Amino acid sequence: MYKKIYFLIVLLISTSTLFSCLEAVKESQKVILESQKPALEGKFFPIESQGIRLFLPKEFKKLTKAEYLELVDETEDSLNVDIEKERLAKLYQSGHDIFLFQHTTSGSILSLVPTEYFKFNKADAQMLLNQIRYSHDQVNAQTGMLFNKQEARFFETKEAQIFKAIYKVIVPKNEFEFHKQVYFVSFNKKSFALTLETPFVVDFDPYLEKIRIL
């Protein structure tokens, strides 16, 4: 089962090349940064089939697979389009669902994929980190994108295990950069992988803490 989990993580955390072609405006930064204040604002997005309720800033909207593919097709880099479509195809072929959300003002993309329950430890987290590095090396070889790790850590409680990694992604040919956060969470006999790609640094931890797993 561990091999299946690692394979899934590689598919999920392989950077979506869609976001590298989107432009963020200063006003969109203000919207998300305001929502990071102590009085956290947002709303729940239920994923009823999985018993998961995501808490996100209210500017997010859920995307269907067709809507996301339309966004992918709008990008101008044919190589990036092909890579992203291949990644999604492999993910669906693996038998897993993917739930996609977009921040309407910044273009930020959040992806969540439920997995088989996987109670993991610090050693497993290190293996996940190695898989991410391997995946990034492959993307770099194909696209020239650079991945600078900003943070990586594992923490657990009596009930939950959480792996988190943050990267600054640089796209040299487009003179563009963005930030990617990767989470793998096991709690209440359920596990899921989550990625968030944003045009600027966002503290997503407070939102993660509000996720409800039934």
N, C-alpha and C. Protein backbone atom coordinates (compact mmCIF):
# COMPACT_ATOMS: atom_id res chain seq x y z
N MET A 1 0.83 -1.20 0.00
CA MET A 1 0.00 0.00 0.00
C MET A 1 0.86 1.25 0.00
N TYR A 2 2.02 1.20 0.68
CA TYR A 2 2.88 2.37 0.76
C TYR A 2 3.30 2.85 -0.63
N LYS A 3 3.61 1.89 -1.53
CA LYS A 3 4.02 2.27 -2.88
C LYS A 3 2.90 3.02 -3.59
N LYS A 4 1.65 2.57 -3.38
CA LYS A 4 0.52 3.25 -3.99
C LYS A 4 0.40 4.68 -3.48
N ILE A 5 0.60 4.85 -2.18
CA ILE A 5 0.50 6.18 -1.58
C ILE A 5 1.58 7.09 -2.16
N TYR A 6 2.81 6.61 -2.23
CA TYR A 6 3.90 7.44 -2.75
C TYR A 6 3.67 7.80 -4.22
N PHE A 7 3.14 6.84 -5.00
CA PHE A 7 2.83 7.10 -6.40
C PHE A 7 1.78 8.20 -6.51
N LEU A 8 0.77 8.13 -5.65
CA LEU A 8 -0.28 9.14 -5.67
C LEU A 8 0.27 10.51 -5.31
N ILE A 9 1.14 10.55 -4.30
CA ILE A 9 1.70 11.83 -3.88
C ILE A 9 2.48 12.46 -5.02
N VAL A 10 3.25 11.65 -5.75
CA VAL A 10 4.01 12.19 -6.88
C VAL A 10 3.07 12.82 -7.90
N LEU A 11 1.94 12.15 -8.17
CA LEU A 11 0.98 12.70 -9.14
C LEU A 11 0.38 14.00 -8.64
N LEU A 12 0.09 14.06 -7.36
CA LEU A 12 -0.57 15.25 -6.83
C LEU A 12 0.38 16.42 -6.71
N ILE A 13 1.58 16.17 -6.18
CA ILE A 13 2.47 17.30 -5.91
C ILE A 13 3.29 17.71 -7.11
N SER A 14 3.23 16.93 -8.21
CA SER A 14 3.87 17.41 -9.43
C SER A 14 3.23 18.74 -9.77
N THR A 15 4.03 19.78 -9.85
CA THR A 15 3.49 21.12 -9.92
C THR A 15 2.57 21.31 -11.10
N SER A 16 1.39 21.80 -10.82
CA SER A 16 0.47 22.18 -11.88
C SER A 16 1.08 23.34 -12.64
N THR A 17 1.33 23.15 -13.93
CA THR A 17 1.96 24.20 -14.71
C THR A 17 0.96 25.26 -15.13
N LEU A 18 -0.31 25.06 -14.79
CA LEU A 18 -1.32 26.06 -15.12
C LEU A 18 -1.03 27.37 -14.43
N PHE A 19 -0.73 27.31 -13.13
CA PHE A 19 -0.64 28.55 -12.38
C PHE A 19 0.49 29.44 -12.86
N SER A 20 1.54 28.85 -13.40
CA SER A 20 2.68 29.65 -13.83
C SER A 20 2.32 30.60 -14.96
N CYS A 21 1.16 30.44 -15.57
CA CYS A 21 0.76 31.29 -16.68
C CYS A 21 -0.31 32.29 -16.27
N LEU A 22 -0.66 32.34 -14.98
CA LEU A 22 -1.67 33.28 -14.51
C LEU A 22 -1.00 34.48 -13.87
N GLU A 23 -1.62 35.66 -13.99
CA GLU A 23 -1.09 36.87 -13.38
C GLU A 23 -1.95 37.24 -12.18
N ALA A 24 -1.30 37.64 -11.08
CA ALA A 24 -2.03 38.06 -9.88
C ALA A 24 -1.92 39.57 -9.75
N VAL A 25 -2.99 40.20 -9.32
CA VAL A 25 -2.99 41.64 -9.13
C VAL A 25 -2.86 41.96 -7.65
N LYS A 26 -2.42 43.19 -7.34
CA LYS A 26 -2.19 43.56 -5.95
C LYS A 26 -3.46 43.47 -5.12
N GLU A 27 -4.60 43.78 -5.72
CA GLU A 27 -5.85 43.74 -4.98
C GLU A 27 -6.14 42.33 -4.49
N SER A 28 -5.79 41.32 -5.28
CA SER A 28 -6.05 39.94 -4.88
C SER A 28 -5.19 39.57 -3.68
N GLN A 29 -3.98 40.13 -3.60
CA GLN A 29 -3.13 39.88 -2.45
C GLN A 29 -3.80 40.42 -1.18
N LYS A 30 -4.37 41.59 -1.31
CA LYS A 30 -5.01 42.21 -0.15
C LYS A 30 -6.17 41.36 0.36
N VAL A 31 -6.92 40.76 -0.57
CA VAL A 31 -8.08 39.96 -0.19
C VAL A 31 -7.67 38.78 0.69
N ILE A 32 -6.66 38.01 0.24
CA ILE A 32 -6.25 36.84 1.00
C ILE A 32 -5.52 37.25 2.28
N LEU A 33 -4.68 38.26 2.21
CA LEU A 33 -3.94 38.68 3.40
C LEU A 33 -4.89 39.17 4.49
N GLU A 34 -5.98 39.83 4.10
CA GLU A 34 -6.97 40.27 5.09
C GLU A 34 -7.57 39.07 5.80
N SER A 35 -7.77 37.98 5.06
CA SER A 35 -8.41 36.80 5.65
C SER A 35 -7.47 36.04 6.57
N GLN A 36 -6.18 36.44 6.64
CA GLN A 36 -5.23 35.79 7.53
C GLN A 36 -5.21 36.41 8.92
N LYS A 37 -5.96 37.47 9.14
CA LYS A 37 -5.99 38.11 10.45
C LYS A 37 -6.64 37.17 11.46
N PRO A 38 -6.44 37.43 12.78
CA PRO A 38 -6.95 36.53 13.82
C PRO A 38 -8.41 36.12 13.65
N ALA A 39 -9.28 37.08 13.29
CA ALA A 39 -10.68 36.73 13.06
C ALA A 39 -10.77 36.12 11.66
N LEU A 40 -10.49 34.83 11.59
CA LEU A 40 -10.39 34.15 10.30
C LEU A 40 -11.75 34.12 9.61
N GLU A 41 -11.78 34.63 8.39
CA GLU A 41 -13.02 34.65 7.63
C GLU A 41 -12.97 33.61 6.52
N GLY A 42 -14.11 33.04 6.24
CA GLY A 42 -14.17 32.04 5.18
C GLY A 42 -15.47 31.29 5.25
N LYS A 43 -15.52 30.17 4.53
CA LYS A 43 -16.71 29.34 4.57
C LYS A 43 -16.32 27.89 4.32
N PHE A 44 -17.21 26.99 4.70
CA PHE A 44 -16.94 25.57 4.51
C PHE A 44 -17.38 25.12 3.12
N PHE A 45 -16.54 24.28 2.52
CA PHE A 45 -16.85 23.65 1.24
C PHE A 45 -16.94 22.14 1.49
N PRO A 46 -18.15 21.60 1.57
CA PRO A 46 -18.28 20.18 1.87
C PRO A 46 -17.91 19.28 0.70
N ILE A 47 -17.16 18.23 1.00
CA ILE A 47 -16.91 17.16 0.04
C ILE A 47 -17.64 15.96 0.61
N GLU A 48 -18.92 15.90 0.34
CA GLU A 48 -19.81 14.97 1.02
C GLU A 48 -19.44 13.51 0.82
N SER A 49 -18.97 13.18 -0.37
CA SER A 49 -18.65 11.77 -0.65
C SER A 49 -17.48 11.27 0.19
N GLN A 50 -16.69 12.21 0.74
CA GLN A 50 -15.51 11.84 1.52
C GLN A 50 -15.65 12.17 3.00
N GLY A 51 -16.74 12.83 3.37
CA GLY A 51 -16.91 13.22 4.77
C GLY A 51 -15.90 14.28 5.19
N ILE A 52 -15.53 15.16 4.26
CA ILE A 52 -14.55 16.21 4.54
C ILE A 52 -15.20 17.56 4.27
N ARG A 53 -14.97 18.51 5.18
CA ARG A 53 -15.45 19.88 4.98
C ARG A 53 -14.24 20.81 5.02
N LEU A 54 -13.89 21.36 3.87
CA LEU A 54 -12.78 22.29 3.77
C LEU A 54 -13.22 23.68 4.21
N PHE A 55 -12.34 24.37 4.95
CA PHE A 55 -12.61 25.76 5.30
C PHE A 55 -11.64 26.63 4.51
N LEU A 56 -12.19 27.49 3.64
CA LEU A 56 -11.38 28.30 2.74
C LEU A 56 -11.88 29.74 2.74
N PRO A 57 -11.03 30.69 2.32
CA PRO A 57 -11.52 32.06 2.12
C PRO A 57 -12.73 32.05 1.20
N LYS A 58 -13.67 32.95 1.45
CA LYS A 58 -14.94 32.93 0.72
C LYS A 58 -14.78 33.19 -0.77
N GLU A 59 -13.62 33.70 -1.19
CA GLU A 59 -13.40 33.98 -2.61
C GLU A 59 -13.10 32.71 -3.42
N PHE A 60 -12.95 31.59 -2.75
CA PHE A 60 -12.72 30.34 -3.48
C PHE A 60 -14.02 29.81 -4.08
N LYS A 61 -13.89 29.10 -5.18
CA LYS A 61 -15.03 28.40 -5.77
C LYS A 61 -14.56 27.01 -6.20
N LYS A 62 -15.49 26.07 -6.16
CA LYS A 62 -15.17 24.71 -6.56
C LYS A 62 -15.20 24.61 -8.08
N LEU A 63 -14.24 23.89 -8.64
CA LEU A 63 -14.16 23.70 -10.08
C LEU A 63 -14.52 22.26 -10.45
N THR A 64 -15.24 22.10 -11.54
CA THR A 64 -15.43 20.77 -12.09
C THR A 64 -14.18 20.40 -12.89
N LYS A 65 -14.07 19.14 -13.23
CA LYS A 65 -12.94 18.71 -14.04
C LYS A 65 -12.93 19.46 -15.37
N ALA A 66 -14.11 19.62 -15.98
CA ALA A 66 -14.22 20.30 -17.27
C ALA A 66 -13.79 21.76 -17.15
N GLU A 67 -14.20 22.43 -16.07
CA GLU A 67 -13.82 23.83 -15.88
C GLU A 67 -12.31 23.97 -15.70
N TYR A 68 -11.72 23.04 -14.97
CA TYR A 68 -10.28 23.11 -14.77
C TYR A 68 -9.54 22.88 -16.09
N LEU A 69 -10.00 21.93 -16.87
CA LEU A 69 -9.35 21.66 -18.16
C LEU A 69 -9.48 22.85 -19.10
N GLU A 70 -10.57 23.60 -18.99
CA GLU A 70 -10.71 24.82 -19.78
C GLU A 70 -9.64 25.84 -19.40
N LEU A 71 -9.37 25.95 -18.09
CA LEU A 71 -8.31 26.85 -17.63
C LEU A 71 -6.95 26.39 -18.16
N VAL A 72 -6.74 25.08 -18.14
CA VAL A 72 -5.48 24.54 -18.65
C VAL A 72 -5.32 24.89 -20.12
N ASP A 73 -6.40 24.73 -20.89
CA ASP A 73 -6.33 24.99 -22.33
C ASP A 73 -6.09 26.47 -22.65
N GLU A 74 -6.38 27.35 -21.69
CA GLU A 74 -6.18 28.78 -21.92
C GLU A 74 -4.72 29.20 -21.82
N THR A 75 -3.88 28.34 -21.28
CA THR A 75 -2.47 28.68 -21.17
C THR A 75 -1.82 28.65 -22.54
N GLU A 76 -0.72 29.38 -22.68
CA GLU A 76 -0.09 29.55 -23.99
C GLU A 76 1.06 28.57 -24.24
N ASP A 77 1.52 27.91 -23.21
CA ASP A 77 2.67 27.01 -23.35
C ASP A 77 2.15 25.59 -23.60
N SER A 78 2.30 25.11 -24.82
CA SER A 78 1.76 23.79 -25.18
C SER A 78 2.41 22.67 -24.38
N LEU A 79 3.71 22.80 -24.05
CA LEU A 79 4.38 21.77 -23.27
C LEU A 79 3.76 21.67 -21.89
N ASN A 80 3.53 22.81 -21.25
CA ASN A 80 2.93 22.81 -19.93
C ASN A 80 1.52 22.22 -19.96
N VAL A 81 0.77 22.54 -21.00
CA VAL A 81 -0.58 22.00 -21.15
C VAL A 81 -0.53 20.48 -21.23
N ASP A 82 0.36 19.95 -22.04
CA ASP A 82 0.48 18.50 -22.21
C ASP A 82 0.88 17.82 -20.90
N ILE A 83 1.82 18.43 -20.17
CA ILE A 83 2.28 17.85 -18.91
C ILE A 83 1.14 17.80 -17.90
N GLU A 84 0.38 18.87 -17.80
CA GLU A 84 -0.71 18.92 -16.83
C GLU A 84 -1.82 17.94 -17.18
N LYS A 85 -2.15 17.83 -18.46
CA LYS A 85 -3.20 16.89 -18.87
C LYS A 85 -2.76 15.45 -18.62
N GLU A 86 -1.49 15.18 -18.85
CA GLU A 86 -0.97 13.83 -18.60
C GLU A 86 -1.02 13.51 -17.11
N ARG A 87 -0.67 14.50 -16.27
CA ARG A 87 -0.71 14.30 -14.82
C ARG A 87 -2.12 13.99 -14.35
N LEU A 88 -3.09 14.75 -14.84
CA LEU A 88 -4.48 14.53 -14.44
C LEU A 88 -4.99 13.17 -14.92
N ALA A 89 -4.62 12.81 -16.14
CA ALA A 89 -5.06 11.52 -16.69
C ALA A 89 -4.55 10.37 -15.83
N LYS A 90 -3.28 10.43 -15.43
CA LYS A 90 -2.71 9.37 -14.60
C LYS A 90 -3.38 9.33 -13.23
N LEU A 91 -3.71 10.51 -12.71
CA LEU A 91 -4.36 10.57 -11.41
C LEU A 91 -5.73 9.90 -11.46
N TYR A 92 -6.51 10.21 -12.49
CA TYR A 92 -7.83 9.59 -12.63
C TYR A 92 -7.72 8.10 -12.91
N GLN A 93 -6.72 7.71 -13.69
CA GLN A 93 -6.53 6.30 -14.00
C GLN A 93 -6.16 5.49 -12.76
N SER A 94 -5.58 6.17 -11.77
CA SER A 94 -5.22 5.49 -10.53
C SER A 94 -6.44 5.18 -9.67
N GLY A 95 -7.61 5.70 -10.09
CA GLY A 95 -8.84 5.40 -9.37
C GLY A 95 -9.17 6.38 -8.27
N HIS A 96 -8.45 7.49 -8.20
CA HIS A 96 -8.69 8.48 -7.15
C HIS A 96 -9.43 9.69 -7.70
N ASP A 97 -10.23 10.29 -6.83
CA ASP A 97 -10.89 11.54 -7.17
C ASP A 97 -9.96 12.70 -6.86
N ILE A 98 -10.15 13.80 -7.57
CA ILE A 98 -9.43 15.03 -7.26
C ILE A 98 -10.45 16.15 -7.17
N PHE A 99 -10.36 16.94 -6.12
CA PHE A 99 -11.29 18.04 -5.90
C PHE A 99 -10.51 19.34 -6.05
N LEU A 100 -10.98 20.21 -6.94
CA LEU A 100 -10.25 21.40 -7.34
C LEU A 100 -11.00 22.67 -6.96
N PHE A 101 -10.25 23.67 -6.50
CA PHE A 101 -10.83 24.94 -6.10
C PHE A 101 -9.95 26.07 -6.62
N GLN A 102 -10.58 27.19 -6.98
CA GLN A 102 -9.83 28.34 -7.48
C GLN A 102 -10.21 29.59 -6.70
N HIS A 103 -9.20 30.37 -6.33
CA HIS A 103 -9.44 31.68 -5.73
C HIS A 103 -9.72 32.64 -6.88
N THR A 104 -10.92 33.21 -6.89
CA THR A 104 -11.40 33.91 -8.09
C THR A 104 -10.65 35.19 -8.40
N THR A 105 -10.02 35.82 -7.41
CA THR A 105 -9.32 37.08 -7.70
C THR A 105 -7.83 36.92 -7.95
N SER A 106 -7.22 35.89 -7.37
CA SER A 106 -5.77 35.72 -7.54
C SER A 106 -5.41 34.61 -8.51
N GLY A 107 -6.37 33.72 -8.80
CA GLY A 107 -6.06 32.58 -9.65
C GLY A 107 -5.42 31.42 -8.91
N SER A 108 -5.27 31.54 -7.60
CA SER A 108 -4.67 30.46 -6.81
C SER A 108 -5.48 29.17 -6.98
N ILE A 109 -4.78 28.05 -7.01
CA ILE A 109 -5.42 26.75 -7.22
C ILE A 109 -5.14 25.84 -6.03
N LEU A 110 -6.21 25.23 -5.50
CA LEU A 110 -6.09 24.26 -4.43
C LEU A 110 -6.60 22.92 -4.93
N SER A 111 -5.83 21.86 -4.67
CA SER A 111 -6.21 20.51 -5.07
C SER A 111 -6.23 19.61 -3.85
N LEU A 112 -7.24 18.77 -3.74
CA LEU A 112 -7.33 17.81 -2.65
C LEU A 112 -7.64 16.44 -3.22
N VAL A 113 -6.87 15.44 -2.80
CA VAL A 113 -7.08 14.06 -3.25
C VAL A 113 -7.17 13.15 -2.03
N PRO A 114 -8.32 12.53 -1.78
CA PRO A 114 -8.43 11.55 -0.70
C PRO A 114 -7.64 10.29 -1.07
N THR A 115 -7.07 9.64 -0.07
CA THR A 115 -6.31 8.42 -0.30
C THR A 115 -6.76 7.35 0.69
N GLU A 116 -6.20 6.16 0.53
CA GLU A 116 -6.40 5.14 1.56
C GLU A 116 -5.80 5.66 2.87
N TYR A 117 -6.41 5.27 3.98
CA TYR A 117 -5.89 5.72 5.27
C TYR A 117 -4.47 5.23 5.45
N PHE A 118 -3.59 6.14 5.84
CA PHE A 118 -2.17 5.85 5.92
C PHE A 118 -1.62 6.54 7.16
N LYS A 119 -1.47 5.79 8.25
CA LYS A 119 -0.88 6.36 9.47
C LYS A 119 0.63 6.36 9.29
N PHE A 120 1.21 7.55 9.17
CA PHE A 120 2.62 7.63 8.83
C PHE A 120 3.42 8.28 9.96
N ASN A 121 4.74 8.17 9.83
CA ASN A 121 5.64 8.69 10.86
C ASN A 121 6.69 9.59 10.22
N LYS A 122 7.67 10.00 11.01
CA LYS A 122 8.68 10.93 10.52
C LYS A 122 9.50 10.33 9.38
N ALA A 123 9.79 9.03 9.47
CA ALA A 123 10.56 8.37 8.41
C ALA A 123 9.76 8.35 7.10
N ASP A 124 8.45 8.10 7.20
CA ASP A 124 7.60 8.14 6.01
C ASP A 124 7.57 9.55 5.42
N ALA A 125 7.53 10.56 6.30
CA ALA A 125 7.52 11.94 5.83
C ALA A 125 8.79 12.26 5.05
N GLN A 126 9.92 11.71 5.50
CA GLN A 126 11.18 11.92 4.78
C GLN A 126 11.12 11.27 3.40
N MET A 127 10.49 10.11 3.32
CA MET A 127 10.34 9.44 2.02
C MET A 127 9.45 10.26 1.09
N LEU A 128 8.39 10.85 1.65
CA LEU A 128 7.53 11.72 0.85
C LEU A 128 8.32 12.92 0.33
N LEU A 129 9.16 13.48 1.19
CA LEU A 129 9.98 14.62 0.78
C LEU A 129 10.92 14.23 -0.36
N ASN A 130 11.48 13.03 -0.27
CA ASN A 130 12.36 12.55 -1.33
C ASN A 130 11.60 12.37 -2.65
N GLN A 131 10.35 11.89 -2.55
CA GLN A 131 9.53 11.72 -3.75
C GLN A 131 9.22 13.07 -4.38
N ILE A 132 8.97 14.06 -3.55
CA ILE A 132 8.71 15.40 -4.07
C ILE A 132 9.94 15.93 -4.80
N ARG A 133 11.11 15.73 -4.20
CA ARG A 133 12.35 16.20 -4.83
C ARG A 133 12.55 15.51 -6.18
N TYR A 134 12.29 14.22 -6.23
CA TYR A 134 12.43 13.47 -7.49
C TYR A 134 11.47 14.01 -8.54
N SER A 135 10.22 14.25 -8.13
CA SER A 135 9.22 14.78 -9.06
C SER A 135 9.63 16.16 -9.58
N HIS A 136 10.13 17.00 -8.68
CA HIS A 136 10.56 18.34 -9.09
C HIS A 136 11.73 18.27 -10.06
N ASP A 137 12.63 17.33 -9.85
CA ASP A 137 13.76 17.17 -10.77
C ASP A 137 13.26 16.81 -12.17
N GLN A 138 12.22 15.98 -12.24
CA GLN A 138 11.67 15.60 -13.53
C GLN A 138 11.02 16.80 -14.23
N VAL A 139 10.27 17.59 -13.46
CA VAL A 139 9.63 18.77 -14.03
C VAL A 139 10.69 19.77 -14.49
N ASN A 140 11.75 19.92 -13.71
CA ASN A 140 12.84 20.83 -14.07
C ASN A 140 13.48 20.41 -15.39
N ALA A 141 13.68 19.11 -15.56
CA ALA A 141 14.31 18.61 -16.79
C ALA A 141 13.44 18.89 -18.01
N GLN A 142 12.11 18.88 -17.82
CA GLN A 142 11.19 19.09 -18.94
C GLN A 142 10.93 20.56 -19.22
N THR A 143 10.88 21.38 -18.17
CA THR A 143 10.41 22.76 -18.33
C THR A 143 11.41 23.83 -17.93
N GLY A 144 12.44 23.46 -17.16
CA GLY A 144 13.39 24.45 -16.67
C GLY A 144 12.93 25.14 -15.40
N MET A 145 11.77 24.76 -14.86
CA MET A 145 11.28 25.36 -13.63
C MET A 145 12.19 25.00 -12.46
N LEU A 146 12.40 25.97 -11.56
CA LEU A 146 13.27 25.77 -10.40
C LEU A 146 12.43 25.72 -9.13
N PHE A 147 12.81 24.83 -8.20
CA PHE A 147 12.06 24.65 -6.96
C PHE A 147 12.98 24.88 -5.77
N ASN A 148 12.70 25.93 -5.01
CA ASN A 148 13.49 26.23 -3.82
C ASN A 148 12.67 25.90 -2.58
N LYS A 149 13.11 24.91 -1.83
CA LYS A 149 12.38 24.51 -0.62
C LYS A 149 12.52 25.59 0.45
N GLN A 150 11.39 26.05 0.97
CA GLN A 150 11.37 27.06 2.02
C GLN A 150 11.17 26.44 3.40
N GLU A 151 10.45 25.34 3.45
CA GLU A 151 10.13 24.71 4.73
C GLU A 151 9.67 23.28 4.48
N ALA A 152 10.00 22.38 5.40
CA ALA A 152 9.49 21.01 5.35
C ALA A 152 9.48 20.48 6.78
N ARG A 153 8.34 19.98 7.22
CA ARG A 153 8.29 19.46 8.58
C ARG A 153 7.17 18.44 8.75
N PHE A 154 7.34 17.63 9.77
CA PHE A 154 6.35 16.63 10.14
C PHE A 154 5.96 16.87 11.59
N PHE A 155 4.67 16.84 11.88
CA PHE A 155 4.24 16.95 13.26
C PHE A 155 3.01 16.08 13.47
N GLU A 156 2.82 15.66 14.70
CA GLU A 156 1.72 14.76 14.99
C GLU A 156 1.14 15.01 16.38
N THR A 157 -0.10 14.58 16.54
CA THR A 157 -0.76 14.57 17.84
C THR A 157 -1.20 13.13 18.09
N LYS A 158 -1.97 12.91 19.13
CA LYS A 158 -2.47 11.57 19.40
C LYS A 158 -3.40 11.09 18.29
N GLU A 159 -4.02 12.03 17.59
CA GLU A 159 -5.03 11.66 16.60
C GLU A 159 -4.62 11.92 15.16
N ALA A 160 -3.63 12.76 14.92
CA ALA A 160 -3.33 13.18 13.55
C ALA A 160 -1.85 13.18 13.26
N GLN A 161 -1.53 12.98 11.97
CA GLN A 161 -0.17 13.14 11.47
C GLN A 161 -0.24 14.09 10.27
N ILE A 162 0.67 15.05 10.25
CA ILE A 162 0.66 16.06 9.19
C ILE A 162 2.07 16.26 8.65
N PHE A 163 2.20 16.19 7.34
CA PHE A 163 3.44 16.53 6.66
C PHE A 163 3.19 17.79 5.85
N LYS A 164 4.13 18.72 5.92
CA LYS A 164 3.97 20.00 5.23
C LYS A 164 5.29 20.39 4.57
N ALA A 165 5.21 20.88 3.34
CA ALA A 165 6.39 21.40 2.65
C ALA A 165 5.98 22.62 1.84
N ILE A 166 6.85 23.62 1.82
CA ILE A 166 6.58 24.86 1.08
C ILE A 166 7.73 25.11 0.11
N TYR A 167 7.38 25.49 -1.11
CA TYR A 167 8.38 25.74 -2.15
C TYR A 167 8.12 27.08 -2.84
N LYS A 168 9.21 27.72 -3.20
CA LYS A 168 9.15 28.87 -4.10
C LYS A 168 9.52 28.35 -5.48
N VAL A 169 8.63 28.54 -6.44
CA VAL A 169 8.82 27.99 -7.78
C VAL A 169 9.13 29.13 -8.74
N ILE A 170 10.21 28.98 -9.48
CA ILE A 170 10.65 30.01 -10.41
C ILE A 170 10.55 29.48 -11.84
N VAL A 171 9.92 30.27 -12.70
CA VAL A 171 9.78 29.91 -14.12
C VAL A 171 10.65 30.88 -14.92
N PRO A 172 11.91 30.53 -15.18
CA PRO A 172 12.86 31.47 -15.79
C PRO A 172 12.41 32.03 -17.14
N LYS A 173 11.87 31.18 -18.01
CA LYS A 173 11.56 31.67 -19.36
C LYS A 173 10.42 32.67 -19.37
N ASN A 174 9.56 32.63 -18.34
CA ASN A 174 8.46 33.59 -18.25
C ASN A 174 8.73 34.69 -17.23
N GLU A 175 9.92 34.63 -16.59
CA GLU A 175 10.29 35.59 -15.55
C GLU A 175 9.16 35.70 -14.52
N PHE A 176 8.78 34.54 -14.01
CA PHE A 176 7.61 34.45 -13.13
C PHE A 176 7.94 33.53 -11.97
N GLU A 177 7.33 33.79 -10.82
CA GLU A 177 7.50 32.90 -9.68
C GLU A 177 6.20 32.79 -8.90
N PHE A 178 6.03 31.67 -8.20
CA PHE A 178 4.87 31.48 -7.35
C PHE A 178 5.25 30.56 -6.20
N HIS A 179 4.32 30.34 -5.30
CA HIS A 179 4.58 29.56 -4.10
C HIS A 179 3.65 28.35 -4.06
N LYS A 180 4.21 27.22 -3.63
CA LYS A 180 3.44 25.98 -3.56
C LYS A 180 3.55 25.39 -2.17
N GLN A 181 2.40 25.05 -1.59
CA GLN A 181 2.36 24.37 -0.30
C GLN A 181 1.80 22.97 -0.51
N VAL A 182 2.45 22.00 0.11
CA VAL A 182 2.04 20.60 0.01
C VAL A 182 1.75 20.07 1.41
N TYR A 183 0.60 19.44 1.56
CA TYR A 183 0.24 18.82 2.84
C TYR A 183 -0.17 17.37 2.59
N PHE A 184 0.18 16.50 3.55
CA PHE A 184 -0.40 15.17 3.60
C PHE A 184 -0.90 14.98 5.02
N VAL A 185 -2.18 14.66 5.15
CA VAL A 185 -2.83 14.62 6.47
C VAL A 185 -3.52 13.28 6.69
N SER A 186 -3.32 12.71 7.87
CA SER A 186 -4.05 11.53 8.30
C SER A 186 -4.73 11.84 9.62
N PHE A 187 -6.05 11.65 9.66
CA PHE A 187 -6.82 11.98 10.86
C PHE A 187 -8.15 11.25 10.82
N ASN A 188 -8.57 10.73 11.97
CA ASN A 188 -9.88 10.10 12.09
C ASN A 188 -10.08 8.99 11.05
N LYS A 189 -9.03 8.18 10.86
CA LYS A 189 -9.06 7.04 9.95
C LYS A 189 -9.23 7.45 8.48
N LYS A 190 -8.87 8.68 8.16
CA LYS A 190 -8.91 9.15 6.78
C LYS A 190 -7.61 9.87 6.46
N SER A 191 -7.23 9.83 5.19
CA SER A 191 -6.02 10.53 4.74
C SER A 191 -6.33 11.30 3.47
N PHE A 192 -5.63 12.41 3.29
CA PHE A 192 -5.76 13.15 2.04
C PHE A 192 -4.48 13.95 1.79
N ALA A 193 -4.25 14.21 0.51
CA ALA A 193 -3.14 15.05 0.08
C ALA A 193 -3.71 16.35 -0.45
N LEU A 194 -3.04 17.45 -0.16
CA LEU A 194 -3.54 18.77 -0.55
C LEU A 194 -2.38 19.63 -1.04
N THR A 195 -2.60 20.35 -2.13
CA THR A 195 -1.61 21.33 -2.59
C THR A 195 -2.31 22.66 -2.81
N LEU A 196 -1.56 23.72 -2.57
CA LEU A 196 -2.06 25.08 -2.79
C LEU A 196 -0.98 25.87 -3.50
N GLU A 197 -1.31 26.42 -4.66
CA GLU A 197 -0.37 27.23 -5.42
C GLU A 197 -0.89 28.67 -5.47
N THR A 198 -0.05 29.60 -5.02
CA THR A 198 -0.46 31.00 -4.88
C THR A 198 0.62 31.92 -5.44
N PRO A 199 0.25 33.16 -5.83
CA PRO A 199 1.24 34.10 -6.36
C PRO A 199 2.07 34.77 -5.29
N PHE A 200 1.76 34.53 -4.03
CA PHE A 200 2.47 35.15 -2.91
C PHE A 200 2.34 34.23 -1.71
N VAL A 201 3.13 34.48 -0.68
CA VAL A 201 3.14 33.61 0.49
C VAL A 201 1.83 33.75 1.26
N VAL A 202 1.22 32.62 1.57
CA VAL A 202 -0.03 32.59 2.33
C VAL A 202 0.12 31.62 3.50
N ASP A 203 -0.33 32.02 4.67
CA ASP A 203 -0.33 31.12 5.82
C ASP A 203 -1.61 30.30 5.78
N PHE A 204 -1.52 29.08 5.28
CA PHE A 204 -2.71 28.25 5.13
C PHE A 204 -3.01 27.42 6.37
N ASP A 205 -2.07 27.34 7.30
CA ASP A 205 -2.25 26.48 8.48
C ASP A 205 -3.55 26.76 9.24
N PRO A 206 -3.93 28.04 9.47
CA PRO A 206 -5.19 28.28 10.20
C PRO A 206 -6.41 27.68 9.49
N TYR A 207 -6.38 27.64 8.17
CA TYR A 207 -7.49 27.04 7.44
C TYR A 207 -7.46 25.52 7.55
N LEU A 208 -6.25 24.97 7.53
CA LEU A 208 -6.12 23.53 7.68
C LEU A 208 -6.66 23.07 9.03
N GLU A 209 -6.40 23.87 10.06
CA GLU A 209 -6.86 23.53 11.41
C GLU A 209 -8.38 23.49 11.51
N LYS A 210 -9.06 24.19 10.62
CA LYS A 210 -10.52 24.25 10.67
C LYS A 210 -11.20 23.18 9.80
N ILE A 211 -10.41 22.40 9.07
CA ILE A 211 -10.99 21.34 8.26
C ILE A 211 -11.70 20.34 9.17
N ARG A 212 -12.88 19.93 8.78
CA ARG A 212 -13.64 18.95 9.55
C ARG A 212 -13.65 17.61 8.81
N ILE A 213 -13.27 16.55 9.51
CA ILE A 213 -13.27 15.21 8.94
C ILE A 213 -14.24 14.37 9.75
N LEU A 214 -15.32 13.93 9.11
CA LEU A 214 -16.39 13.24 9.81
C LEU A 214 -16.15 11.74 9.88
